[in-house]
Amino acid sequence: MKVKSKAAKFGDWVFVFICVIISLICVVPMINLAAKSLSSTEHLIRHEVFLLPRGLNFDAYTTVLADPKYQRAFLWTAFLTLVCTFLSLFMTALCAYPLIFPALKGRGAINIFITITMFFNAGMIPNYLLMNDLKLLENPLVLIIPSCMSVYNMIIMRSFFYGIPDSLRESAEIDGASFIQVLLKIYIPLSKPVFASLALFYAVGRWNGYGDALMYIKKNKQFFPLQLLLYNILNNINSVEVAAQEGFSMPGLGESLKSAIVMFSTVPILLVYPWLQRYFIAGVTMGAVKE
C-alpha cells in the first residue's frame, strides 16, 4: 500500500478547501434568497435576514403561485424546455452520427464548416433580419428552431460515438441492419451517459434563456418564458406603476416577492440534476477524450 507524502496530503487538503470555498460561493446566495422569501416583512426591513428565515411566512409564495401570469409562464417554459431538449438531442444525434463514418464524402470539410460556426456568426442585426424574413418574429417557433442544436454539444456526442467499437456496427450491418437501425439499436442505447449530460445542458440553457424572447417577441406576452417575465419585472421595478402592480412598492414585501420569484424560477431546474447526476460525469469526460 502506497503511503502519501506530507506534501501530497497537504495538496489534497488545499484542493478540498478550494472546493468548499467555491461551493459556498454558489450555495450561500441561494440560501440567502430562500431565507428572504420565507421571512416576514418586519425582519426584512430591518435587514435581519441572512441564512435563516425570520418570522416564517409563505405570503410571497402564495402571491406568486396564485398569479395567473406566473402560472402561465411556468407552464409555457416547462413545455418549451421539454420540446427544445428532445428536438436538440434529436438534431445533435442526426448531425454527429454520420460524421463518424470515414466513408462519408467531404467529412473533413463538413467538420471544418460546422466548427467555424462556433467562433463566427453573422451578429445580432443580421440574425434579427433573418428571423423577420422567415416570418418567425412574434412566433413561438423562434424560441425553438434557431437554437435547436449546439455545435459544442454535437462535438461531444460525436466524440462519444467514436468510442463505441466499430465491430458492433459492422456486425449489425452484416446481419442486415440499416443505417438508422444501427443508430437506434446500438449507438443510442450505449450512449445514455452522453445523452443525459447533453439533455441537462440543453434543458438548463433553455430554461434560463430569455435573450431570444427579449429580441424576437415583443407583443405576444403569452409566449414570454419565465425568465423574461422575471427580467421585465426586476428591470422595471423603478416604475412606480409596475412596482405597485407587482407588490414591490411595499417595503419588505417587495424584497420577499423578488426572492420568491427568483426561487420560483430557479428551483425546478435544480431538481432535474439529481436524476441525471450518475450519467453526467461519464458523459462529459468520455465524450471529451475519445476521438
Protein backbone atom coordinates (compact mmCIF):
# COMPACT_ATOMS: atom_id res chain seq x y z
CA MET A 1 0.00 0.00 0.00
CA LYS A 2 1.43 3.31 -1.11
CA VAL A 3 1.55 5.98 1.62
CA LYS A 4 1.09 9.58 0.57
CA SER A 5 3.79 12.05 1.40
CA LYS A 6 3.09 15.06 3.60
CA ALA A 7 3.24 17.32 0.57
CA ALA A 8 0.62 15.20 -1.23
CA LYS A 9 -1.66 15.22 1.82
CA PHE A 10 -1.27 18.98 2.15
CA GLY A 11 -2.15 19.35 -1.54
CA ASP A 12 -5.30 17.27 -1.01
CA TRP A 13 -6.39 19.49 1.88
CA VAL A 14 -5.75 22.63 -0.20
CA PHE A 15 -7.85 21.16 -3.02
CA VAL A 16 -10.66 20.30 -0.58
CA PHE A 17 -10.52 23.81 0.89
CA ILE A 18 -10.78 25.39 -2.56
CA CYS A 19 -13.74 23.15 -3.45
CA VAL A 20 -15.51 24.08 -0.20
CA ILE A 21 -14.97 27.80 -0.84
CA ILE A 22 -16.32 27.52 -4.41
CA SER A 23 -19.31 25.52 -3.16
CA LEU A 24 -20.09 28.15 -0.54
CA ILE A 25 -19.88 30.92 -3.13
CA CYS A 26 -22.51 29.09 -5.18
CA VAL A 27 -24.76 27.90 -2.35
CA VAL A 28 -24.84 30.85 0.09
CA PRO A 29 -26.65 33.27 -2.28
CA MET A 30 -29.34 30.66 -2.89
CA ILE A 31 -29.78 30.08 0.84
CA ASN A 32 -29.98 33.83 1.38
CA LEU A 33 -32.70 34.18 -1.28
CA ALA A 34 -34.66 31.29 0.20
CA ALA A 35 -34.42 32.84 3.67
CA LYS A 36 -35.64 36.22 2.40
CA SER A 37 -38.54 34.66 0.53
CA LEU A 38 -39.73 32.95 3.72
CA SER A 39 -39.19 35.87 6.12
CA SER A 40 -41.63 38.41 7.44
CA THR A 41 -41.58 41.99 6.16
CA GLU A 42 -40.57 43.40 9.57
CA HIS A 43 -37.33 41.46 9.67
CA LEU A 44 -36.56 42.23 6.03
CA ILE A 45 -37.00 45.96 6.59
CA ARG A 46 -34.56 45.80 9.50
CA HIS A 47 -32.10 43.76 7.37
CA GLU A 48 -32.03 40.95 9.91
CA VAL A 49 -32.22 38.06 7.43
CA PHE A 50 -29.12 36.29 6.14
CA LEU A 51 -29.08 32.48 6.10
CA LEU A 52 -32.11 31.61 8.22
CA PRO A 53 -35.67 32.93 7.73
CA ARG A 54 -37.01 35.21 10.45
CA GLY A 55 -40.73 35.36 11.17
CA LEU A 56 -41.51 32.42 8.90
CA ASN A 57 -44.36 33.05 6.45
CA PHE A 58 -45.33 32.00 2.94
CA ASP A 59 -47.09 35.17 1.79
CA ALA A 60 -44.64 35.79 -1.06
CA TYR A 61 -45.02 32.28 -2.47
CA THR A 62 -48.81 32.48 -2.09
CA THR A 63 -48.78 35.70 -4.11
CA VAL A 64 -46.55 34.25 -6.83
CA LEU A 65 -48.29 30.88 -7.15
CA ALA A 66 -51.75 32.47 -7.24
CA ASP A 67 -50.86 34.90 -10.01
CA PRO A 68 -52.08 33.61 -13.44
CA LYS A 69 -49.22 35.18 -15.36
CA TYR A 70 -46.61 33.30 -13.33
CA GLN A 71 -48.54 30.06 -13.72
CA ARG A 72 -48.82 30.56 -17.47
CA ALA A 73 -45.15 31.49 -17.84
CA PHE A 74 -44.09 28.50 -15.74
CA LEU A 75 -46.14 26.00 -17.77
CA TRP A 76 -45.04 27.52 -21.07
CA THR A 77 -41.37 27.46 -20.06
CA ALA A 78 -41.65 23.84 -18.87
CA PHE A 79 -43.27 22.83 -22.17
CA LEU A 80 -40.71 24.82 -24.15
CA THR A 81 -37.83 23.21 -22.23
CA LEU A 82 -39.11 19.68 -22.88
CA VAL A 83 -39.70 20.29 -26.59
CA CYS A 84 -36.36 22.04 -27.12
CA THR A 85 -34.43 19.38 -25.20
CA PHE A 86 -35.87 16.46 -27.20
CA LEU A 87 -35.56 18.30 -30.51
CA SER A 88 -31.98 19.38 -29.73
CA LEU A 89 -30.93 15.83 -28.81
CA PHE A 90 -32.56 14.55 -31.99
CA MET A 91 -30.78 17.10 -34.19
CA THR A 92 -27.47 16.63 -32.38
CA ALA A 93 -27.56 12.86 -32.87
CA LEU A 94 -28.52 13.21 -36.55
CA CYS A 95 -25.56 15.54 -37.11
CA ALA A 96 -22.99 13.62 -35.04
CA TYR A 97 -23.75 10.09 -36.24
CA PRO A 98 -22.88 10.43 -39.98
CA LEU A 99 -19.64 12.24 -39.14
CA ILE A 100 -18.11 9.12 -37.54
CA PHE A 101 -18.10 7.25 -40.87
CA PRO A 102 -14.73 7.52 -42.69
CA ALA A 103 -16.50 6.76 -45.98
CA LEU A 104 -18.59 9.92 -45.79
CA LYS A 105 -17.54 12.13 -48.69
CA GLY A 106 -16.43 15.58 -47.64
CA ARG A 107 -16.41 14.65 -43.95
CA GLY A 108 -13.35 16.80 -43.24
CA ALA A 109 -14.83 19.86 -44.94
CA ILE A 110 -18.14 19.38 -43.14
CA ASN A 111 -16.38 19.15 -39.79
CA ILE A 112 -14.42 22.34 -40.51
CA PHE A 113 -17.51 24.21 -41.69
CA ILE A 114 -19.50 23.21 -38.62
CA THR A 115 -16.66 24.06 -36.24
CA ILE A 116 -16.25 27.54 -37.77
CA THR A 117 -19.79 28.38 -36.67
CA MET A 118 -18.65 28.02 -33.04
CA PHE A 119 -16.36 31.03 -33.36
CA PHE A 120 -18.03 33.22 -36.01
CA ASN A 121 -21.63 34.24 -36.53
CA ALA A 122 -23.45 36.89 -38.51
CA GLY A 123 -24.30 39.01 -35.49
CA MET A 124 -27.40 40.28 -33.79
CA ILE A 125 -28.81 42.51 -36.53
CA PRO A 126 -28.42 40.00 -39.41
CA ASN A 127 -29.99 37.31 -37.22
CA TYR A 128 -32.93 39.60 -36.50
CA LEU A 129 -33.37 40.35 -40.21
CA LEU A 130 -33.21 36.64 -40.98
CA MET A 131 -35.91 35.85 -38.42
CA ASN A 132 -38.01 38.64 -39.94
CA ASP A 133 -37.59 37.24 -43.46
CA LEU A 134 -38.54 33.77 -42.20
CA LYS A 135 -41.71 35.21 -40.60
CA LEU A 136 -40.63 33.95 -37.18
CA LEU A 137 -40.92 37.21 -35.28
CA GLU A 138 -43.69 37.04 -32.65
CA ASN A 139 -43.84 33.30 -33.36
CA PRO A 140 -43.12 30.74 -30.60
CA LEU A 141 -41.07 28.73 -33.10
CA VAL A 142 -38.40 31.44 -32.90
CA LEU A 143 -37.62 30.13 -29.41
CA ILE A 144 -37.13 26.59 -30.72
CA ILE A 145 -35.73 26.42 -34.25
CA PRO A 146 -32.72 28.82 -34.20
CA SER A 147 -31.18 27.20 -31.12
CA CYS A 148 -32.14 23.58 -31.72
CA MET A 149 -28.52 22.41 -31.89
CA SER A 150 -25.20 23.35 -30.28
CA VAL A 151 -22.03 22.61 -32.22
CA TYR A 152 -20.09 22.14 -28.98
CA ASN A 153 -22.58 19.52 -27.80
CA MET A 154 -22.51 17.86 -31.22
CA ILE A 155 -18.72 17.50 -30.95
CA ILE A 156 -19.11 15.89 -27.51
CA MET A 157 -21.65 13.40 -28.88
CA ARG A 158 -19.56 12.69 -31.97
CA SER A 159 -16.52 12.01 -29.80
CA PHE A 160 -18.59 9.65 -27.64
CA PHE A 161 -19.75 7.80 -30.76
CA TYR A 162 -16.10 7.41 -31.78
CA GLY A 163 -15.55 5.47 -28.56
CA ILE A 164 -18.08 2.78 -29.49
CA PRO A 165 -16.24 -0.14 -31.19
CA ASP A 166 -16.68 -0.28 -34.95
CA SER A 167 -17.04 -4.05 -34.68
CA LEU A 168 -20.51 -3.62 -33.16
CA ARG A 169 -21.65 -1.54 -36.09
CA GLU A 170 -20.04 -3.84 -38.64
CA SER A 171 -21.61 -6.95 -37.14
CA ALA A 172 -25.03 -5.28 -37.19
CA GLU A 173 -24.54 -4.28 -40.82
CA ILE A 174 -23.59 -7.86 -41.71
CA ASP A 175 -26.84 -9.01 -40.10
CA GLY A 176 -28.73 -6.61 -42.37
CA ALA A 177 -29.24 -3.62 -40.09
CA SER A 178 -29.78 -0.33 -41.88
CA PHE A 179 -28.03 2.96 -41.19
CA ILE A 180 -30.89 4.15 -38.97
CA GLN A 181 -31.30 0.78 -37.22
CA VAL A 182 -27.64 0.82 -36.18
CA LEU A 183 -28.17 4.26 -34.64
CA LEU A 184 -31.37 3.27 -32.83
CA LYS A 185 -30.36 -0.23 -31.71
CA ILE A 186 -26.65 0.21 -30.93
CA TYR A 187 -25.42 3.79 -30.64
CA ILE A 188 -28.30 5.37 -28.73
CA PRO A 189 -28.66 2.56 -26.12
CA LEU A 190 -24.90 2.65 -25.50
CA SER A 191 -24.84 6.44 -25.27
CA LYS A 192 -27.14 7.06 -22.31
CA PRO A 193 -24.44 8.97 -20.35
CA VAL A 194 -23.77 11.49 -23.12
CA PHE A 195 -27.48 11.88 -23.92
CA ALA A 196 -28.26 12.53 -20.25
CA SER A 197 -25.42 15.07 -19.97
CA LEU A 198 -26.41 16.94 -23.12
CA ALA A 199 -30.07 16.84 -22.09
CA LEU A 200 -29.05 18.66 -18.91
CA PHE A 201 -27.06 21.22 -20.91
CA TYR A 202 -29.93 21.87 -23.32
CA ALA A 203 -32.61 21.94 -20.62
CA VAL A 204 -30.71 24.37 -18.38
CA GLY A 205 -29.87 26.59 -21.34
CA ARG A 206 -33.49 26.78 -22.50
CA TRP A 207 -34.96 27.16 -19.00
CA ASN A 208 -32.61 30.05 -18.19
CA GLY A 209 -32.79 31.63 -21.64
CA TYR A 210 -34.55 34.93 -22.24
CA GLY A 211 -32.34 36.78 -24.73
CA ASP A 212 -34.04 35.34 -27.83
CA ALA A 213 -37.51 36.05 -26.45
CA LEU A 214 -36.43 39.57 -25.46
CA MET A 215 -35.25 40.23 -29.00
CA TYR A 216 -37.83 38.44 -31.13
CA ILE A 217 -41.08 38.59 -29.12
CA LYS A 218 -42.49 41.96 -28.11
CA LYS A 219 -46.29 41.79 -28.36
CA ASN A 220 -47.31 38.18 -27.72
CA LYS A 221 -46.81 38.13 -23.98
CA GLN A 222 -48.34 34.67 -23.70
CA PHE A 223 -45.10 33.38 -25.23
CA PHE A 224 -42.86 35.09 -22.68
CA PRO A 225 -40.74 32.46 -20.91
CA LEU A 226 -40.48 32.62 -17.14
CA GLN A 227 -37.01 34.17 -17.15
CA LEU A 228 -38.11 37.01 -19.45
CA LEU A 229 -41.07 37.69 -17.18
CA LEU A 230 -38.67 37.85 -14.23
CA TYR A 231 -36.32 40.10 -16.20
CA ASN A 232 -39.11 42.52 -17.12
CA ILE A 233 -40.40 42.73 -13.55
CA LEU A 234 -37.00 43.33 -11.99
CA ASN A 235 -35.88 45.63 -14.79
CA ASN A 236 -38.99 47.81 -14.49
CA ILE A 237 -39.06 47.87 -10.73
CA ASN A 238 -38.18 51.57 -10.71
CA SER A 239 -41.52 52.31 -12.32
CA VAL A 240 -43.98 53.28 -9.58
CA GLU A 241 -46.91 51.82 -11.52
CA VAL A 242 -45.21 48.49 -12.17
CA ALA A 243 -43.87 48.29 -8.63
CA ALA A 244 -47.30 48.88 -7.15
CA GLN A 245 -48.92 46.39 -9.51
CA GLU A 246 -46.44 43.66 -8.61
CA GLY A 247 -46.37 44.43 -4.89
CA PHE A 248 -42.81 45.78 -4.82
CA SER A 249 -43.82 49.21 -3.59
CA MET A 250 -44.41 47.82 -0.11
CA PRO A 251 -41.16 47.73 1.89
CA GLY A 252 -40.15 44.25 2.98
CA LEU A 253 -42.86 42.51 0.97
CA GLY A 254 -41.21 43.70 -2.24
CA GLU A 255 -37.89 42.14 -1.19
CA SER A 256 -39.66 38.94 -0.21
CA LEU A 257 -41.53 38.84 -3.53
CA LYS A 258 -38.35 39.34 -5.55
CA SER A 259 -36.67 36.49 -3.73
CA ALA A 260 -39.71 34.25 -4.11
CA ILE A 261 -39.88 34.92 -7.86
CA VAL A 262 -36.19 34.07 -8.28
CA MET A 263 -36.60 30.87 -6.26
CA PHE A 264 -39.77 30.02 -8.21
CA SER A 265 -37.83 30.23 -11.48
CA THR A 266 -34.66 28.51 -10.24
CA VAL A 267 -35.62 25.55 -8.06
CA PRO A 268 -37.47 23.48 -10.72
CA ILE A 269 -34.42 23.15 -12.96
CA LEU A 270 -32.22 22.39 -9.95
CA LEU A 271 -34.41 19.37 -9.21
CA VAL A 272 -33.56 17.87 -12.61
CA TYR A 273 -29.86 17.45 -11.86
CA PRO A 274 -30.09 14.61 -9.24
CA TRP A 275 -31.88 12.40 -11.79
CA LEU A 276 -29.06 12.81 -14.32
CA GLN A 277 -26.09 13.03 -11.95
CA ARG A 278 -24.94 9.42 -12.34
CA TYR A 279 -24.61 9.92 -16.12
CA PHE A 280 -23.25 13.45 -16.05
CA ILE A 281 -19.52 12.94 -15.34
CA ALA A 282 -19.24 9.84 -17.54
CA GLY A 283 -20.96 11.56 -20.44
CA VAL A 284 -18.82 14.68 -20.38
CA THR A 285 -15.43 13.07 -19.73
CA MET A 286 -15.81 10.13 -22.11
CA GLY A 287 -17.19 12.35 -24.83
CA ALA A 288 -14.36 14.81 -24.36
CA VAL A 289 -11.33 12.48 -24.51
CA LYS A 290 -12.25 9.89 -27.14
CA GLU A 291 -11.93 10.99 -30.70
